[in-house]
Amino acid sequence: MSFNEDEYSNEDGVLQLYHAYASTIYGSQGLTVNGDTFIAWSASMGKASTYVAGSRHKEQSHWYFNKAEINEMKANKSENIHDVIVRLSSIDKRAKLASSLLLDTIKYKSELSMEI
């Protein structure tokens, strides 16, 4: 990772870096970071995770993307990277999980009734 020291230096030219801790997205829910946040976005993040990750900062939010992962998730070759990120970040994974669990439960119950 590299950065422009001038962007993070005070008016006296002193580089202002602070020790910080990494946190999970949901571990940071409800917190506000006094300063910048740095997010390593993943295709596994849905709408809720993307919102929580991107709304913890008071100053700036810096996003990092894995281009190879995004290219693998393209719906077709002509879909651009921005559109892939928007599409994947718009998925409500909680609703998907709930419906998957419901379908699994229905399938299990129907298999159980066949065995009886």
N, C-alpha and C. Protein backbone atom coordinates (compact mmCIF):
# COMPACT_ATOMS: atom_id res chain seq x y z
N MET A 1 0.85 -1.16 0.00
CA MET A 1 0.00 0.00 0.00
C MET A 1 0.90 1.23 0.00
N SER A 2 0.51 2.22 -0.73
CA SER A 2 1.25 3.48 -0.74
C SER A 2 0.26 4.63 -0.63
N PHE A 3 0.76 5.76 -0.19
CA PHE A 3 -0.09 6.95 -0.08
C PHE A 3 0.76 8.19 -0.22
N ASN A 4 0.13 9.30 -0.49
CA ASN A 4 0.79 10.58 -0.62
C ASN A 4 0.89 11.21 0.76
N GLU A 5 2.12 11.34 1.28
CA GLU A 5 2.32 11.89 2.63
C GLU A 5 1.71 13.27 2.80
N ASP A 6 1.69 14.07 1.73
CA ASP A 6 1.16 15.43 1.82
C ASP A 6 -0.33 15.43 2.20
N GLU A 7 -1.05 14.39 1.79
CA GLU A 7 -2.48 14.32 2.08
C GLU A 7 -2.75 14.05 3.56
N TYR A 8 -1.77 13.48 4.27
CA TYR A 8 -1.98 13.11 5.66
C TYR A 8 -1.07 13.87 6.62
N SER A 9 -0.45 14.94 6.14
CA SER A 9 0.42 15.77 6.98
C SER A 9 -0.34 17.01 7.44
N ASN A 10 0.00 17.47 8.64
CA ASN A 10 -0.64 18.69 9.13
C ASN A 10 0.01 19.91 8.49
N GLU A 11 -0.39 21.12 8.91
CA GLU A 11 0.12 22.35 8.31
C GLU A 11 1.61 22.56 8.55
N ASP A 12 2.18 21.85 9.55
CA ASP A 12 3.62 21.93 9.81
C ASP A 12 4.41 20.87 9.04
N GLY A 13 3.73 20.07 8.22
CA GLY A 13 4.39 19.03 7.45
C GLY A 13 4.63 17.74 8.22
N VAL A 14 4.04 17.62 9.41
CA VAL A 14 4.20 16.41 10.22
C VAL A 14 3.18 15.37 9.77
N LEU A 15 3.69 14.20 9.43
CA LEU A 15 2.82 13.10 8.99
C LEU A 15 1.99 12.62 10.18
N GLN A 16 0.68 12.62 10.00
CA GLN A 16 -0.21 12.25 11.10
C GLN A 16 -0.78 10.86 10.87
N LEU A 17 -0.11 9.87 11.44
CA LEU A 17 -0.59 8.50 11.40
C LEU A 17 -0.87 8.07 12.83
N TYR A 18 -1.92 7.33 13.01
CA TYR A 18 -2.30 6.88 14.34
C TYR A 18 -2.41 5.37 14.35
N HIS A 19 -2.12 4.80 15.48
CA HIS A 19 -2.28 3.37 15.67
C HIS A 19 -3.78 3.07 15.69
N ALA A 20 -4.17 2.04 14.99
CA ALA A 20 -5.59 1.69 14.94
C ALA A 20 -5.72 0.18 14.96
N TYR A 21 -6.90 -0.28 15.23
CA TYR A 21 -7.19 -1.71 15.27
C TYR A 21 -8.13 -2.07 14.13
N ALA A 22 -7.94 -3.27 13.61
CA ALA A 22 -8.87 -3.78 12.62
C ALA A 22 -10.12 -4.27 13.34
N SER A 23 -11.22 -4.22 12.66
CA SER A 23 -12.48 -4.65 13.26
C SER A 23 -13.33 -5.30 12.19
N THR A 24 -14.20 -6.19 12.62
CA THR A 24 -15.16 -6.75 11.68
C THR A 24 -16.23 -5.71 11.41
N ILE A 25 -16.96 -5.88 10.35
CA ILE A 25 -17.99 -4.91 10.00
C ILE A 25 -19.05 -4.83 11.09
N TYR A 26 -19.55 -5.98 11.51
CA TYR A 26 -20.62 -5.94 12.51
C TYR A 26 -20.10 -5.61 13.90
N GLY A 27 -18.80 -5.83 14.15
CA GLY A 27 -18.20 -5.41 15.41
C GLY A 27 -18.14 -3.90 15.52
N SER A 28 -18.13 -3.23 14.37
CA SER A 28 -18.05 -1.77 14.36
C SER A 28 -19.43 -1.11 14.25
N GLN A 29 -20.48 -1.91 14.12
CA GLN A 29 -21.82 -1.35 13.97
C GLN A 29 -22.17 -0.49 15.17
N GLY A 30 -22.64 0.71 14.93
CA GLY A 30 -22.99 1.65 15.98
C GLY A 30 -21.85 2.54 16.42
N LEU A 31 -20.63 2.27 15.94
CA LEU A 31 -19.48 3.09 16.29
C LEU A 31 -19.26 4.18 15.26
N THR A 32 -18.60 5.24 15.68
CA THR A 32 -18.16 6.28 14.76
C THR A 32 -16.66 6.42 14.91
N VAL A 33 -15.93 6.37 13.82
CA VAL A 33 -14.48 6.49 13.84
C VAL A 33 -14.12 7.96 13.66
N ASN A 34 -13.38 8.51 14.61
CA ASN A 34 -12.91 9.89 14.50
C ASN A 34 -11.74 9.91 13.53
N GLY A 35 -11.99 10.11 12.28
CA GLY A 35 -10.96 10.09 11.26
C GLY A 35 -11.39 9.26 10.07
N ASP A 36 -10.43 8.66 9.42
CA ASP A 36 -10.68 7.90 8.20
C ASP A 36 -10.89 6.42 8.51
N THR A 37 -11.63 5.77 7.62
CA THR A 37 -11.76 4.32 7.67
C THR A 37 -11.20 3.73 6.39
N PHE A 38 -10.76 2.48 6.45
CA PHE A 38 -10.19 1.78 5.30
C PHE A 38 -10.91 0.45 5.18
N ILE A 39 -11.56 0.24 4.05
CA ILE A 39 -12.40 -0.94 3.86
C ILE A 39 -11.86 -1.79 2.71
N ALA A 40 -11.66 -3.07 2.99
CA ALA A 40 -11.30 -4.04 1.95
C ALA A 40 -12.60 -4.72 1.54
N TRP A 41 -13.19 -4.25 0.45
CA TRP A 41 -14.48 -4.76 -0.01
C TRP A 41 -14.32 -6.17 -0.56
N SER A 42 -15.33 -6.99 -0.35
CA SER A 42 -15.34 -8.36 -0.86
C SER A 42 -16.69 -8.63 -1.50
N ALA A 43 -16.70 -9.51 -2.47
CA ALA A 43 -17.95 -9.87 -3.15
C ALA A 43 -18.93 -10.55 -2.20
N SER A 44 -18.44 -11.03 -1.07
CA SER A 44 -19.33 -11.68 -0.10
C SER A 44 -20.12 -10.66 0.72
N MET A 45 -19.76 -9.38 0.61
CA MET A 45 -20.49 -8.34 1.34
C MET A 45 -21.77 -8.02 0.59
N GLY A 46 -22.86 -8.00 1.27
CA GLY A 46 -24.13 -7.62 0.68
C GLY A 46 -24.46 -6.17 0.97
N LYS A 47 -25.72 -5.85 0.82
CA LYS A 47 -26.18 -4.47 1.00
C LYS A 47 -25.93 -3.98 2.44
N ALA A 48 -26.30 -4.77 3.42
CA ALA A 48 -26.16 -4.35 4.82
C ALA A 48 -24.70 -4.18 5.22
N SER A 49 -23.86 -5.15 4.86
CA SER A 49 -22.44 -5.08 5.21
C SER A 49 -21.76 -3.89 4.54
N THR A 50 -22.08 -3.65 3.28
CA THR A 50 -21.49 -2.53 2.56
C THR A 50 -21.89 -1.20 3.21
N TYR A 51 -23.17 -1.09 3.60
CA TYR A 51 -23.62 0.15 4.25
C TYR A 51 -22.91 0.36 5.58
N VAL A 52 -22.88 -0.66 6.43
CA VAL A 52 -22.26 -0.53 7.75
C VAL A 52 -20.78 -0.17 7.60
N ALA A 53 -20.07 -0.87 6.71
CA ALA A 53 -18.64 -0.61 6.52
C ALA A 53 -18.39 0.82 6.05
N GLY A 54 -19.25 1.30 5.19
CA GLY A 54 -19.03 2.62 4.59
C GLY A 54 -19.61 3.79 5.35
N SER A 55 -20.16 3.54 6.53
CA SER A 55 -20.79 4.64 7.26
C SER A 55 -20.25 4.81 8.68
N ARG A 56 -19.04 4.35 8.94
CA ARG A 56 -18.46 4.44 10.29
C ARG A 56 -17.54 5.64 10.46
N HIS A 57 -17.19 6.34 9.43
CA HIS A 57 -16.16 7.39 9.47
C HIS A 57 -16.74 8.79 9.70
N LYS A 58 -15.89 9.65 10.27
CA LYS A 58 -16.23 11.07 10.37
C LYS A 58 -15.55 11.86 9.26
N GLU A 59 -14.39 11.40 8.83
CA GLU A 59 -13.62 12.11 7.81
C GLU A 59 -13.85 11.48 6.43
N GLN A 60 -13.01 10.54 6.06
CA GLN A 60 -13.09 9.93 4.74
C GLN A 60 -13.15 8.41 4.87
N SER A 61 -13.73 7.80 3.87
CA SER A 61 -13.79 6.35 3.79
C SER A 61 -13.00 5.92 2.55
N HIS A 62 -12.00 5.08 2.75
CA HIS A 62 -11.15 4.61 1.65
C HIS A 62 -11.50 3.16 1.35
N TRP A 63 -11.87 2.90 0.11
CA TRP A 63 -12.29 1.55 -0.29
C TRP A 63 -11.22 0.90 -1.15
N TYR A 64 -10.99 -0.38 -0.90
CA TYR A 64 -10.02 -1.17 -1.67
C TYR A 64 -10.75 -2.37 -2.25
N PHE A 65 -10.50 -2.62 -3.53
CA PHE A 65 -11.20 -3.68 -4.25
C PHE A 65 -10.21 -4.66 -4.87
N ASN A 66 -10.58 -5.93 -4.89
CA ASN A 66 -9.79 -6.97 -5.52
C ASN A 66 -10.30 -7.12 -6.96
N LYS A 67 -9.56 -6.57 -7.89
CA LYS A 67 -10.00 -6.56 -9.29
C LYS A 67 -10.21 -7.97 -9.84
N ALA A 68 -9.35 -8.92 -9.46
CA ALA A 68 -9.48 -10.30 -9.95
C ALA A 68 -10.80 -10.91 -9.45
N GLU A 69 -11.14 -10.68 -8.18
CA GLU A 69 -12.39 -11.21 -7.63
C GLU A 69 -13.59 -10.61 -8.35
N ILE A 70 -13.54 -9.31 -8.60
CA ILE A 70 -14.65 -8.64 -9.27
C ILE A 70 -14.81 -9.16 -10.70
N ASN A 71 -13.70 -9.34 -11.40
CA ASN A 71 -13.77 -9.86 -12.77
C ASN A 71 -14.40 -11.25 -12.82
N GLU A 72 -14.15 -12.07 -11.78
CA GLU A 72 -14.75 -13.41 -11.71
C GLU A 72 -16.25 -13.34 -11.52
N MET A 73 -16.75 -12.26 -10.94
CA MET A 73 -18.17 -12.14 -10.61
C MET A 73 -18.99 -11.45 -11.71
N LYS A 74 -18.34 -11.12 -12.82
CA LYS A 74 -19.05 -10.45 -13.90
C LYS A 74 -20.16 -11.34 -14.45
N ALA A 75 -21.34 -10.74 -14.68
CA ALA A 75 -22.46 -11.48 -15.27
C ALA A 75 -22.17 -11.79 -16.73
N ASN A 76 -21.44 -10.89 -17.39
CA ASN A 76 -21.00 -11.10 -18.77
C ASN A 76 -19.73 -10.27 -18.99
N LYS A 77 -19.04 -10.54 -20.07
CA LYS A 77 -17.74 -9.89 -20.29
C LYS A 77 -17.84 -8.38 -20.46
N SER A 78 -18.99 -7.89 -20.90
CA SER A 78 -19.12 -6.45 -21.15
C SER A 78 -19.49 -5.66 -19.88
N GLU A 79 -19.85 -6.34 -18.80
CA GLU A 79 -20.20 -5.64 -17.56
C GLU A 79 -18.94 -4.99 -16.97
N ASN A 80 -19.01 -3.68 -16.68
CA ASN A 80 -17.81 -3.01 -16.13
C ASN A 80 -17.71 -3.22 -14.63
N ILE A 81 -16.53 -2.95 -14.09
CA ILE A 81 -16.24 -3.21 -12.68
C ILE A 81 -17.19 -2.45 -11.76
N HIS A 82 -17.46 -1.20 -12.05
CA HIS A 82 -18.37 -0.40 -11.23
C HIS A 82 -19.74 -1.06 -11.15
N ASP A 83 -20.27 -1.52 -12.29
CA ASP A 83 -21.59 -2.15 -12.30
C ASP A 83 -21.61 -3.46 -11.51
N VAL A 84 -20.51 -4.21 -11.55
CA VAL A 84 -20.42 -5.45 -10.76
C VAL A 84 -20.49 -5.12 -9.28
N ILE A 85 -19.72 -4.12 -8.85
CA ILE A 85 -19.71 -3.73 -7.43
C ILE A 85 -21.09 -3.27 -7.00
N VAL A 86 -21.74 -2.44 -7.80
CA VAL A 86 -23.08 -1.96 -7.47
C VAL A 86 -24.06 -3.12 -7.38
N ARG A 87 -24.01 -4.03 -8.35
CA ARG A 87 -24.93 -5.18 -8.36
C ARG A 87 -24.72 -6.05 -7.12
N LEU A 88 -23.48 -6.40 -6.83
CA LEU A 88 -23.21 -7.27 -5.69
C LEU A 88 -23.49 -6.59 -4.36
N SER A 89 -23.26 -5.29 -4.29
CA SER A 89 -23.50 -4.54 -3.04
C SER A 89 -24.98 -4.28 -2.80
N SER A 90 -25.81 -4.53 -3.79
CA SER A 90 -27.25 -4.29 -3.67
C SER A 90 -28.01 -5.53 -3.22
N ILE A 91 -27.34 -6.66 -3.13
CA ILE A 91 -28.00 -7.91 -2.76
C ILE A 91 -28.26 -7.92 -1.26
N ASP A 92 -29.51 -8.19 -0.90
CA ASP A 92 -29.86 -8.32 0.51
C ASP A 92 -29.59 -9.77 0.91
N LYS A 93 -28.41 -10.02 1.44
CA LYS A 93 -28.00 -11.38 1.78
C LYS A 93 -28.80 -11.94 2.94
N ARG A 94 -29.33 -11.08 3.79
CA ARG A 94 -30.15 -11.58 4.90
C ARG A 94 -31.42 -12.22 4.36
N ALA A 95 -32.06 -11.58 3.39
CA ALA A 95 -33.27 -12.14 2.80
C ALA A 95 -32.95 -13.44 2.06
N LYS A 96 -31.81 -13.45 1.39
CA LYS A 96 -31.40 -14.66 0.68
C LYS A 96 -31.17 -15.80 1.66
N LEU A 97 -30.50 -15.51 2.77
CA LEU A 97 -30.25 -16.53 3.78
C LEU A 97 -31.56 -17.04 4.35
N ALA A 98 -32.48 -16.14 4.68
CA ALA A 98 -33.75 -16.56 5.26
C ALA A 98 -34.53 -17.45 4.29
N SER A 99 -34.57 -17.07 3.01
CA SER A 99 -35.31 -17.89 2.05
C SER A 99 -34.62 -19.23 1.83
N SER A 100 -33.29 -19.26 1.85
CA SER A 100 -32.56 -20.53 1.72
C SER A 100 -32.87 -21.45 2.89
N LEU A 101 -32.90 -20.89 4.09
CA LEU A 101 -33.22 -21.70 5.27
C LEU A 101 -34.64 -22.23 5.20
N LEU A 102 -35.56 -21.41 4.74
CA LEU A 102 -36.95 -21.83 4.61
C LEU A 102 -37.07 -22.96 3.61
N LEU A 103 -36.42 -22.83 2.46
CA LEU A 103 -36.48 -23.89 1.45
C LEU A 103 -35.84 -25.18 1.95
N ASP A 104 -34.73 -25.06 2.68
CA ASP A 104 -34.10 -26.25 3.25
C ASP A 104 -35.01 -26.93 4.26
N THR A 105 -35.71 -26.14 5.06
CA THR A 105 -36.63 -26.69 6.06
C THR A 105 -37.78 -27.42 5.38
N ILE A 106 -38.35 -26.81 4.35
CA ILE A 106 -39.45 -27.43 3.61
C ILE A 106 -38.98 -28.73 2.97
N LYS A 107 -37.80 -28.71 2.36
CA LYS A 107 -37.25 -29.90 1.72
C LYS A 107 -37.02 -31.00 2.75
N TYR A 108 -36.47 -30.64 3.90
CA TYR A 108 -36.20 -31.61 4.96
C TYR A 108 -37.50 -32.23 5.46
N LYS A 109 -38.52 -31.40 5.69
CA LYS A 109 -39.80 -31.91 6.19
C LYS A 109 -40.47 -32.82 5.17
N SER A 110 -40.36 -32.48 3.89
CA SER A 110 -40.98 -33.34 2.87
C SER A 110 -40.23 -34.67 2.77
N GLU A 111 -38.91 -34.66 2.91
CA GLU A 111 -38.14 -35.91 2.91
C GLU A 111 -38.47 -36.74 4.14
N LEU A 112 -38.67 -36.09 5.27
CA LEU A 112 -39.00 -36.77 6.51
C LEU A 112 -40.36 -37.45 6.40
N SER A 113 -41.33 -36.77 5.81
CA SER A 113 -42.67 -37.35 5.68
C SER A 113 -42.66 -38.52 4.69
N MET A 114 -41.78 -38.52 3.72
CA MET A 114 -41.68 -39.64 2.78
C MET A 114 -41.12 -40.88 3.45
N GLU A 115 -40.25 -40.69 4.44
CA GLU A 115 -39.64 -41.81 5.12
C GLU A 115 -40.62 -42.50 6.06
N ILE A 116 -41.61 -41.79 6.55
CA ILE A 116 -42.54 -42.35 7.53
C ILE A 116 -43.52 -43.26 6.91
